[in-house]
Amino acid sequence: MRNNVLFTLLHDVWGESASESLRLVMMRLDEEMLCAADLDQLSQAVPELPKEKWQAWCEYYSPERASLREKLLADMHIQVLSYVDPAYPACLKEVYRPPSLLYIKGQFKPASLNIGMVGSRRATPYGKNVSYTLAKNLSAEGVCIISGLAKGIDVNAHKGAIEGPGGTIAVLGCGIDRIYPRENAKMYDAIVSHPCGAIVSEWPLGAPATAWHFPARNRIIAGLSDGLVVVEAAKKSGKKLMIDQNQRLAGAHVKARKLIEQGEIGSVITFATAFRHGGPETWSIDPGQSTWFFDKKRAAMGAMADLGVHKTDLIQYLIGQTVEEVEAQLCTLDKKFSDGSPITVDDNAFCIYRMDGGAVGTMTASWTNYGPEDNSTVINGTKGVLRIYDDPAHTLILEKKDGARVCYDVDAIQTNDNQTKSGVIDLFVESLKNPAVQGIDAQSVLTAMRAVFAAIESSETGRRVKTSEI
């Protein structure tokens, strides 16, 4: 008997919660022994398991049943990987209670970069569009998208992924011979038909989609993924997600926001905000000219996403207005790979933002600032100006229309060369302890991400892009 057929029968007999027992058997016995040994021999081979388990197996197994199962697997084009197979993904052996069996349909081909994408089943049109667009763009660069074939975010991630060569893997919360929800049957077939698409389940054939299967399924999605994107999940699921927009927590930014709210500079007219440093090749986890930051297939986006999203979120946070329209130029001006060819993502981004409250300003993100790091923001209002991290002597300066000048010496902002405590972890822990403490949730950062995607589209099309179009 081949292809782990007998292990699938053992799975039937012992049930879906017997993964640990199955794995122990796989490490002690092969399939020939399973069908040839008697009750006593099996009990002696794996004494850790109660004899009743082996009794149930001996009563269930027959050569005819095994032949029928082998034919069923072949007819349904289901492959089965066991924990001890050489092709079993090493990454899944690191998850909590690794699945003993993987039932697979399609082409199970994890890529060099695999991104998990999950979120709300009751996603908004915007959330569905984000998951679809992001998955499509990543797949176009050869990235494989891992998700769960659920309604909402999941199915739209799969939809975008099958439009590119990267493909997708759908991890089910039921047996692989079932489709849940039924409305995703066409997507199920489309994934199986993709050259790099696969359906995967750890559950026995015929297993229903029960509630506890889905948290268990999520560990497989996480295990197969090099990174995880969560879209529109926190508020509806009751989970807390903390987004690392640490610029909001810098002392001068906190003070500046209060001054603006108090009307110290009147109504905001214009602004200029920048985040410029020498690039990630000196401090990345894989430093040098081959860093993953420079490779579009692995990073997808460059300086605009690395730095621009922080400053975009910051200016919205400071002035209480949201980016409404974007005109942008993203370009690669100086960074090169070790062979001298230009990197495949942007190393500079120049944006003009029109805000929903009437303010207009610029945002610059750069990896080619080879002097001191620049993290400055200047905000011009009808009654004065705020200069934030713009002066080497003072972290915050308020210049009034009547000529008055007030300097605030708040904490210095951290840089890549001078890492200090950002406050993000502390705020997250405090928000868990005290529900009244507001963290930095994912929803509050979505508008900044819209602006980033609008900037990319503006640069590609040469036109102004409204964030409402994204």
Protein backbone atom coordinates (compact mmCIF):
# COMPACT_ATOMS: atom_id res chain seq x y z
CA MET A 1 0.00 0.00 0.00
CA ARG A 2 1.39 3.41 -1.03
CA ASN A 3 0.92 7.12 -0.47
CA ASN A 4 0.02 7.00 3.23
CA VAL A 5 -3.32 5.33 2.50
CA LEU A 6 -3.30 3.29 5.71
CA PHE A 7 -2.48 6.34 7.79
CA THR A 8 -5.64 8.01 6.44
CA LEU A 9 -7.66 4.98 7.56
CA LEU A 10 -6.02 5.12 10.97
CA HIS A 11 -7.00 8.81 11.03
CA ASP A 12 -10.62 7.76 10.41
CA VAL A 13 -10.58 5.23 13.26
CA TRP A 14 -8.86 7.32 15.91
CA GLY A 15 -10.52 10.60 14.99
CA GLU A 16 -9.46 14.12 14.16
CA SER A 17 -7.96 14.82 17.59
CA ALA A 18 -5.49 11.89 17.39
CA SER A 19 -2.70 13.79 15.63
CA GLU A 20 -0.15 13.17 18.40
CA SER A 21 -0.89 9.42 18.42
CA LEU A 22 -0.67 9.26 14.64
CA ARG A 23 2.69 10.99 14.62
CA LEU A 24 4.04 8.55 17.20
CA VAL A 25 2.92 5.62 15.05
CA MET A 26 4.49 7.10 11.92
CA MET A 27 7.82 7.35 13.69
CA ARG A 28 7.70 3.68 14.79
CA LEU A 29 5.81 1.78 12.09
CA ASP A 30 5.55 1.80 8.33
CA GLU A 31 2.38 0.98 6.42
CA GLU A 32 3.40 -2.60 5.76
CA MET A 33 3.63 -3.27 9.49
CA LEU A 34 0.27 -1.59 10.05
CA CYS A 35 -1.52 -4.07 7.80
CA ALA A 36 0.55 -7.17 8.68
CA ALA A 37 1.04 -7.00 12.46
CA ASP A 38 -1.45 -8.40 14.93
CA LEU A 39 -2.86 -6.71 18.03
CA ASP A 40 -0.06 -7.78 20.37
CA GLN A 41 2.70 -6.83 17.92
CA LEU A 42 1.19 -3.39 17.41
CA SER A 43 0.83 -2.81 21.16
CA GLN A 44 4.42 -3.84 21.74
CA ALA A 45 5.69 -1.60 18.94
CA VAL A 46 3.99 1.49 20.39
CA PRO A 47 3.39 0.74 24.08
CA GLU A 48 2.57 4.41 24.85
CA LEU A 49 -0.84 3.98 23.20
CA PRO A 50 -3.70 2.16 24.92
CA LYS A 51 -4.48 -1.29 23.58
CA GLU A 52 -8.04 -0.18 22.86
CA LYS A 53 -6.77 2.03 20.06
CA TRP A 54 -5.10 -0.89 18.38
CA GLN A 55 -8.15 -3.06 18.95
CA ALA A 56 -10.26 -0.50 17.08
CA TRP A 57 -7.74 -0.50 14.23
CA CYS A 58 -7.64 -4.27 13.91
CA GLU A 59 -11.43 -4.38 13.76
CA TYR A 60 -11.61 -1.58 11.17
CA TYR A 61 -8.81 -2.53 8.78
CA SER A 62 -9.28 -4.82 5.81
CA PRO A 63 -7.45 -5.06 2.49
CA GLU A 64 -10.71 -4.27 0.70
CA ARG A 65 -11.21 -1.08 2.73
CA ALA A 66 -7.64 -0.04 2.00
CA SER A 67 -8.09 -0.64 -1.74
CA LEU A 68 -11.28 1.43 -1.74
CA ARG A 69 -9.51 4.26 0.06
CA GLU A 70 -6.61 4.17 -2.37
CA LYS A 71 -9.04 4.37 -5.31
CA LEU A 72 -10.96 7.21 -3.66
CA LEU A 73 -7.81 9.27 -3.13
CA ALA A 74 -6.73 8.65 -6.71
CA ASP A 75 -10.16 9.48 -8.16
CA MET A 76 -10.34 12.73 -6.17
CA HIS A 77 -6.70 13.60 -6.95
CA ILE A 78 -5.88 13.87 -3.26
CA GLN A 79 -2.23 13.57 -2.24
CA VAL A 80 -1.32 12.76 1.34
CA LEU A 81 1.86 13.87 3.11
CA SER A 82 2.78 12.38 6.47
CA TYR A 83 4.92 13.99 9.15
CA VAL A 84 7.80 11.64 8.33
CA ASP A 85 7.76 12.21 4.57
CA PRO A 86 10.82 14.06 3.19
CA ALA A 87 8.48 16.48 1.37
CA TYR A 88 6.66 17.48 4.58
CA PRO A 89 7.24 21.25 5.08
CA ALA A 90 9.94 21.85 7.69
CA CYS A 91 8.21 25.07 8.76
CA LEU A 92 5.15 23.14 9.91
CA LYS A 93 7.24 21.00 12.22
CA GLU A 94 7.83 24.17 14.24
CA VAL A 95 4.15 24.94 14.93
CA TYR A 96 2.20 23.85 17.99
CA ARG A 97 1.13 20.22 17.55
CA PRO A 98 2.24 19.83 13.92
CA PRO A 99 -0.35 18.13 11.72
CA SER A 100 0.46 14.43 11.30
CA LEU A 101 -1.17 14.27 7.88
CA LEU A 102 -1.67 16.87 5.18
CA TYR A 103 -4.38 16.14 2.63
CA ILE A 104 -3.60 18.09 -0.54
CA LYS A 105 -5.31 18.87 -3.84
CA GLY A 106 -3.57 20.78 -6.59
CA GLN A 107 0.09 21.82 -6.76
CA PHE A 108 1.48 22.32 -3.28
CA LYS A 109 4.40 24.62 -4.09
CA PRO A 110 5.24 27.12 -1.36
CA ALA A 111 7.35 29.92 -2.87
CA SER A 112 10.58 31.46 -1.66
CA LEU A 113 8.34 34.07 -0.01
CA ASN A 114 4.91 33.16 1.36
CA ILE A 115 2.54 35.73 2.86
CA GLY A 116 -0.49 34.81 4.95
CA MET A 117 -3.55 37.00 4.52
CA VAL A 118 -6.51 36.70 6.89
CA GLY A 119 -9.26 38.89 8.27
CA SER A 120 -12.94 39.47 8.79
CA ARG A 121 -15.58 37.31 7.13
CA ARG A 122 -17.82 40.41 7.20
CA ALA A 123 -15.33 42.61 5.40
CA THR A 124 -16.18 46.04 4.05
CA PRO A 125 -15.87 46.72 0.29
CA TYR A 126 -12.65 48.57 1.07
CA GLY A 127 -11.22 45.63 3.02
CA LYS A 128 -12.09 43.24 0.21
CA ASN A 129 -10.41 45.52 -2.31
CA VAL A 130 -7.27 45.84 -0.17
CA SER A 131 -6.91 42.08 0.21
CA TYR A 132 -7.58 41.47 -3.50
CA THR A 133 -5.22 44.20 -4.72
CA LEU A 134 -2.40 43.39 -2.32
CA ALA A 135 -2.61 39.65 -3.09
CA LYS A 136 -2.68 40.32 -6.82
CA ASN A 137 0.37 42.60 -6.68
CA LEU A 138 2.33 40.19 -4.49
CA SER A 139 1.45 37.19 -6.66
CA ALA A 140 2.60 39.12 -9.73
CA GLU A 141 6.03 39.22 -8.08
CA GLY A 142 6.06 35.47 -7.41
CA VAL A 143 4.83 35.61 -3.81
CA CYS A 144 2.51 32.80 -2.71
CA ILE A 145 -0.56 33.90 -0.71
CA ILE A 146 -1.71 31.66 2.16
CA SER A 147 -5.28 32.01 3.42
CA GLY A 148 -8.30 30.02 4.62
CA LEU A 149 -10.96 30.12 1.84
CA ALA A 150 -13.43 31.79 4.20
CA LYS A 151 -15.85 34.55 3.19
CA GLY A 152 -14.68 38.15 3.09
CA ILE A 153 -10.96 38.80 3.25
CA ASP A 154 -9.82 35.21 2.61
CA VAL A 155 -11.64 34.57 -0.65
CA ASN A 156 -10.66 37.98 -2.04
CA ALA A 157 -7.02 37.28 -1.21
CA HIS A 158 -7.25 33.99 -3.13
CA LYS A 159 -9.01 35.78 -5.98
CA GLY A 160 -6.16 38.26 -6.37
CA ALA A 161 -3.46 35.62 -5.92
CA ILE A 162 -4.64 33.32 -8.74
CA GLU A 163 -4.27 36.21 -11.18
CA GLY A 164 -0.48 36.03 -10.82
CA PRO A 165 2.22 33.36 -11.04
CA GLY A 166 2.81 33.24 -7.28
CA GLY A 167 -0.43 31.38 -6.72
CA THR A 168 -2.10 30.55 -3.44
CA ILE A 169 -2.60 27.88 -0.80
CA ALA A 170 -5.99 27.55 0.92
CA VAL A 171 -5.96 25.86 4.33
CA LEU A 172 -9.34 24.40 5.23
CA GLY A 173 -11.17 24.03 8.52
CA CYS A 174 -12.88 20.85 7.27
CA GLY A 175 -12.02 17.68 5.36
CA ILE A 176 -10.51 18.28 1.94
CA ASP A 177 -13.45 16.52 0.28
CA ARG A 178 -15.79 19.22 1.62
CA ILE A 179 -16.11 22.82 0.54
CA TYR A 180 -16.95 25.37 3.20
CA PRO A 181 -18.58 27.74 2.64
CA ARG A 182 -20.31 26.23 -0.40
CA GLU A 183 -20.42 29.62 -2.12
CA ASN A 184 -16.65 29.39 -2.58
CA ALA A 185 -16.85 26.21 -4.69
CA LYS A 186 -15.75 28.02 -7.87
CA MET A 187 -12.77 29.50 -6.04
CA TYR A 188 -11.88 26.04 -4.69
CA ASP A 189 -11.76 24.70 -8.27
CA ALA A 190 -9.86 27.75 -9.55
CA ILE A 191 -7.17 27.30 -6.90
CA VAL A 192 -6.74 23.61 -7.72
CA SER A 193 -6.43 24.47 -11.42
CA HIS A 194 -3.69 27.08 -10.87
CA PRO A 195 -0.11 25.89 -11.60
CA CYS A 196 0.90 27.01 -8.10
CA GLY A 197 -2.42 26.57 -6.32
CA ALA A 198 -3.30 24.03 -3.64
CA ILE A 199 -6.01 23.15 -1.13
CA VAL A 200 -4.68 21.76 2.17
CA SER A 201 -6.39 20.18 5.18
CA GLU A 202 -5.20 18.35 8.27
CA TRP A 203 -8.64 16.89 8.97
CA PRO A 204 -9.85 13.40 8.03
CA LEU A 205 -11.96 12.94 4.92
CA GLY A 206 -15.53 13.96 5.57
CA ALA A 207 -14.71 16.06 8.65
CA PRO A 208 -17.23 18.91 9.03
CA ALA A 209 -16.34 22.58 9.50
CA THR A 210 -16.65 22.82 13.28
CA ALA A 211 -15.82 25.93 15.30
CA TRP A 212 -12.62 24.66 16.91
CA HIS A 213 -11.14 23.67 13.55
CA PHE A 214 -10.61 27.28 12.53
CA PRO A 215 -8.21 28.39 15.29
CA ALA A 216 -6.30 25.14 14.66
CA ARG A 217 -6.25 25.88 10.93
CA ASN A 218 -4.78 29.33 11.59
CA ARG A 219 -1.60 27.85 13.06
CA ILE A 220 -0.98 26.12 9.70
CA ILE A 221 -1.53 29.39 7.81
CA ALA A 222 0.94 31.09 10.17
CA GLY A 223 3.40 28.20 9.95
CA LEU A 224 3.48 28.25 6.15
CA SER A 225 3.81 32.05 6.04
CA ASP A 226 6.94 34.19 6.19
CA GLY A 227 4.75 37.15 7.09
CA LEU A 228 1.11 37.73 7.95
CA VAL A 229 -1.29 40.46 6.79
CA VAL A 230 -4.42 40.95 8.92
CA VAL A 231 -7.23 42.96 7.31
CA GLU A 232 -10.28 44.29 9.19
CA ALA A 233 -10.19 41.71 11.97
CA ALA A 234 -9.57 43.34 15.33
CA LYS A 235 -12.83 45.16 16.10
CA LYS A 236 -15.14 42.38 14.94
CA SER A 237 -13.22 39.48 16.47
CA GLY A 238 -12.54 41.14 19.81
CA LYS A 239 -8.78 40.86 19.30
CA LYS A 240 -6.38 43.74 19.89
CA LEU A 241 -3.93 44.63 17.15
CA MET A 242 -1.23 47.19 17.85
CA ILE A 243 0.25 48.91 14.81
CA ASP A 244 3.84 50.08 15.17
CA GLN A 245 3.28 53.74 14.30
CA ASN A 246 5.75 54.82 16.94
CA GLN A 247 6.06 58.34 15.47
CA ARG A 248 2.80 59.19 17.22
CA LEU A 249 4.42 58.44 20.58
CA ALA A 250 7.51 60.65 20.18
CA GLY A 251 7.42 63.39 22.85
CA ALA A 252 7.54 66.37 20.48
CA HIS A 253 4.78 64.90 18.33
CA VAL A 254 2.53 64.36 21.35
CA LYS A 255 3.12 67.96 22.46
CA ALA A 256 2.65 69.35 18.95
CA ARG A 257 -0.72 67.64 18.58
CA LYS A 258 -1.89 69.21 21.84
CA LEU A 259 -0.75 72.66 20.73
CA ILE A 260 -2.65 72.31 17.44
CA GLU A 261 -5.77 71.09 19.26
CA GLN A 262 -5.49 74.11 21.58
CA GLY A 263 -5.45 76.43 18.55
CA GLU A 264 -1.91 77.77 19.09
CA ILE A 265 -1.21 77.97 15.34
CA GLY A 266 -4.82 78.47 14.22
CA SER A 267 -6.13 76.52 11.22
CA VAL A 268 -3.50 74.45 9.40
CA ILE A 269 -2.73 75.77 5.91
CA THR A 270 0.34 73.86 4.73
CA PHE A 271 2.90 71.36 5.99
CA ALA A 272 6.14 69.68 5.00
CA THR A 273 7.08 66.38 6.60
CA ALA A 274 10.06 64.16 5.81
CA PHE A 275 11.68 60.89 6.80
CA ARG A 276 15.12 60.55 5.24
CA HIS A 277 18.05 58.32 6.13
CA GLY A 278 20.84 56.44 4.38
CA GLY A 279 18.87 53.28 3.67
CA PRO A 280 18.19 49.91 5.29
CA GLU A 281 21.32 48.15 4.04
CA THR A 282 23.29 49.14 7.16
CA TRP A 283 20.81 47.98 9.80
CA SER A 284 18.58 45.36 8.14
CA ILE A 285 18.59 41.80 9.51
CA ASP A 286 20.36 40.88 6.26
CA PRO A 287 22.58 43.97 5.77
CA GLY A 288 24.35 44.87 2.57
CA GLN A 289 23.34 45.57 -1.01
CA SER A 290 21.40 42.30 -1.23
CA THR A 291 19.03 43.14 1.63
CA TRP A 292 15.45 41.98 1.13
CA PHE A 293 14.29 45.61 1.35
CA PHE A 294 15.73 46.20 -2.15
CA ASP A 295 14.09 43.20 -3.87
CA LYS A 296 10.56 43.85 -5.15
CA LYS A 297 9.77 40.13 -5.14
CA ARG A 298 10.37 40.01 -1.39
CA ALA A 299 9.55 43.56 -0.26
CA ALA A 300 6.90 44.55 -2.85
CA MET A 301 7.45 48.27 -2.06
CA GLY A 302 10.39 50.48 -1.11
CA ALA A 303 10.96 53.76 0.73
CA MET A 304 7.33 54.84 0.35
CA ALA A 305 6.08 51.86 2.34
CA ASP A 306 9.06 51.68 4.69
CA LEU A 307 9.17 55.37 5.69
CA GLY A 308 6.32 57.11 3.89
CA VAL A 309 3.55 55.25 5.69
CA HIS A 310 4.92 56.45 9.06
CA LYS A 311 5.05 60.12 8.07
CA THR A 312 1.68 59.93 6.32
CA ASP A 313 0.08 58.49 9.45
CA LEU A 314 1.88 61.09 11.56
CA ILE A 315 0.69 64.16 9.66
CA GLN A 316 -2.91 62.90 9.78
CA TYR A 317 -2.51 62.30 13.53
CA LEU A 318 -0.97 65.72 14.17
CA ILE A 319 -3.38 67.95 12.30
CA GLY A 320 -6.54 65.82 12.58
CA GLN A 321 -7.11 65.70 8.83
CA THR A 322 -7.07 62.75 6.42
CA VAL A 323 -5.33 62.55 3.05
CA GLU A 324 -7.97 63.01 0.36
CA GLU A 325 -5.93 63.37 -2.83
CA VAL A 326 -2.37 62.42 -3.78
CA GLU A 327 0.05 63.45 -6.48
CA ALA A 328 3.33 61.54 -6.25
CA GLN A 329 6.57 60.52 -7.88
CA LEU A 330 8.28 57.32 -6.70
CA CYS A 331 11.68 56.67 -8.19
CA THR A 332 14.96 54.80 -7.86
CA LEU A 333 17.76 57.37 -7.90
CA ASP A 334 20.85 55.86 -6.33
CA LYS A 335 20.56 52.46 -4.63
CA LYS A 336 22.09 49.50 -6.46
CA PHE A 337 22.50 45.78 -6.00
CA SER A 338 26.00 44.37 -5.61
CA ASP A 339 26.22 43.78 -9.38
CA GLY A 340 25.67 47.50 -10.02
CA SER A 341 22.10 47.21 -11.31
CA PRO A 342 19.41 49.51 -9.82
CA ILE A 343 17.34 48.08 -7.00
CA THR A 344 13.82 47.04 -8.01
CA VAL A 345 11.89 49.22 -5.55
CA ASP A 346 11.76 52.98 -5.00
CA ASP A 347 14.52 54.61 -2.93
CA ASN A 348 12.76 58.00 -2.92
CA ALA A 349 9.14 59.12 -2.78
CA PHE A 350 7.87 62.69 -3.22
CA CYS A 351 4.20 63.31 -2.46
CA ILE A 352 1.81 66.25 -2.44
CA TYR A 353 -1.15 65.60 -0.13
CA ARG A 354 -4.45 67.47 -0.22
CA MET A 355 -6.27 66.86 3.07
CA ASP A 356 -10.00 66.61 3.70
CA GLY A 357 -9.82 69.65 5.99
CA GLY A 358 -8.33 71.91 3.30
CA ALA A 359 -4.62 71.74 4.22
CA VAL A 360 -2.07 70.95 1.52
CA GLY A 361 1.48 69.73 2.09
CA THR A 362 4.38 67.57 1.08
CA MET A 363 5.68 64.25 2.35
CA THR A 364 9.15 63.04 1.41
CA ALA A 365 10.55 59.57 2.10
CA SER A 366 14.14 58.83 1.17
CA TRP A 367 16.79 56.12 1.52
CA THR A 368 19.48 58.37 -0.01
CA ASN A 369 20.10 60.88 2.76
CA TYR A 370 23.75 60.17 3.55
CA GLY A 371 24.07 62.87 6.19
CA PRO A 372 22.31 62.99 9.58
CA GLU A 373 18.86 61.37 9.63
CA ASP A 374 16.03 63.83 8.91
CA ASN A 375 12.71 63.22 10.66
CA SER A 376 11.37 66.74 10.58
CA THR A 377 7.90 68.22 10.23
CA VAL A 378 6.96 71.89 9.76
CA ILE A 379 3.29 72.90 10.05
CA ASN A 380 2.09 76.35 9.00
CA GLY A 381 -1.17 77.72 10.41
CA THR A 382 -3.11 80.96 10.30
CA LYS A 383 -1.64 82.06 13.67
CA GLY A 384 1.85 80.58 13.61
CA VAL A 385 4.26 77.77 12.77
CA LEU A 386 5.32 74.55 14.51
CA ARG A 387 8.80 73.20 13.84
CA ILE A 388 9.16 69.60 15.03
CA TYR A 389 12.59 67.92 15.13
CA ASP A 390 13.66 70.62 12.68
CA ASP A 391 16.21 72.39 14.89
CA PRO A 392 19.34 70.79 16.38
CA ALA A 393 18.97 72.81 19.59
CA HIS A 394 15.27 72.29 20.35
CA THR A 395 12.97 69.37 19.52
CA LEU A 396 9.86 71.56 19.18
CA ILE A 397 9.54 75.26 18.40
CA LEU A 398 6.35 77.32 18.30
CA GLU A 399 6.69 80.56 16.29
CA LYS A 400 3.70 82.88 16.66
CA LYS A 401 2.38 85.37 14.13
CA ASP A 402 3.10 88.22 16.55
CA GLY A 403 6.81 87.28 16.69
CA ALA A 404 6.72 85.31 19.95
CA ARG A 405 8.87 82.17 19.99
CA VAL A 406 8.50 79.28 22.45
CA CYS A 407 10.99 76.39 22.54
CA TYR A 408 10.12 73.01 24.04
CA ASP A 409 12.89 70.59 24.88
CA VAL A 410 11.05 67.30 24.79
CA ASP A 411 12.72 63.91 24.25
CA ALA A 412 14.77 63.44 21.09
CA ILE A 413 13.33 61.17 18.43
CA GLN A 414 15.03 57.78 18.03
CA THR A 415 17.07 57.07 14.89
CA ASN A 416 18.41 53.89 13.35
CA ASP A 417 21.84 54.74 14.76
CA ASN A 418 20.45 55.64 18.17
CA GLN A 419 17.66 53.22 19.06
CA THR A 420 15.68 54.15 22.16
CA LYS A 421 12.47 52.92 23.72
CA SER A 422 9.63 53.63 21.26
CA GLY A 423 6.79 53.17 23.75
CA VAL A 424 4.78 50.90 21.44
CA ILE A 425 5.08 47.76 23.57
CA ASP A 426 4.35 49.67 26.76
CA LEU A 427 1.20 51.19 25.26
CA PHE A 428 0.03 47.82 23.97
CA VAL A 429 0.46 46.14 27.35
CA GLU A 430 -1.30 49.04 29.08
CA SER A 431 -4.23 48.84 26.64
CA LEU A 432 -4.59 45.14 27.46
CA LYS A 433 -4.63 45.85 31.18
CA ASN A 434 -6.95 48.83 30.94
CA PRO A 435 -9.63 48.89 28.19
CA ALA A 436 -9.95 52.64 28.67
CA VAL A 437 -6.41 53.13 27.30
CA GLN A 438 -6.52 53.60 23.55
CA GLY A 439 -3.78 51.90 21.56
CA ILE A 440 -2.90 52.35 17.88
CA ASP A 441 -5.40 50.06 16.20
CA ALA A 442 -5.29 48.84 12.63
CA GLN A 443 -8.40 50.75 11.61
CA SER A 444 -6.79 54.08 12.46
CA VAL A 445 -3.87 53.38 10.13
CA LEU A 446 -5.90 52.24 7.11
CA THR A 447 -6.24 55.80 5.79
CA ALA A 448 -2.46 56.12 5.70
CA MET A 449 -2.23 52.87 3.75
CA ARG A 450 -4.82 54.19 1.30
CA ALA A 451 -2.58 57.21 0.75
CA VAL A 452 0.44 54.94 0.15
CA PHE A 453 -1.42 52.93 -2.49
CA ALA A 454 -2.76 56.15 -4.02
CA ALA A 455 0.81 57.49 -4.23
CA ILE A 456 1.96 54.34 -6.02
CA GLU A 457 -0.91 54.61 -8.51
CA SER A 458 -0.27 58.31 -9.03
CA SER A 459 3.37 57.66 -9.79
CA GLU A 460 2.50 54.88 -12.22
CA THR A 461 -0.28 56.76 -14.03
CA GLY A 462 1.01 60.34 -13.82
CA ARG A 463 -2.28 61.67 -12.44
CA ARG A 464 -3.75 62.85 -9.16
CA VAL A 465 -5.45 60.00 -7.32
CA LYS A 466 -8.22 60.33 -4.77
CA THR A 467 -7.84 57.99 -1.82
CA SER A 468 -11.55 57.17 -2.16
CA GLU A 469 -10.65 55.39 -5.40
CA ILE A 470 -8.40 52.96 -3.55
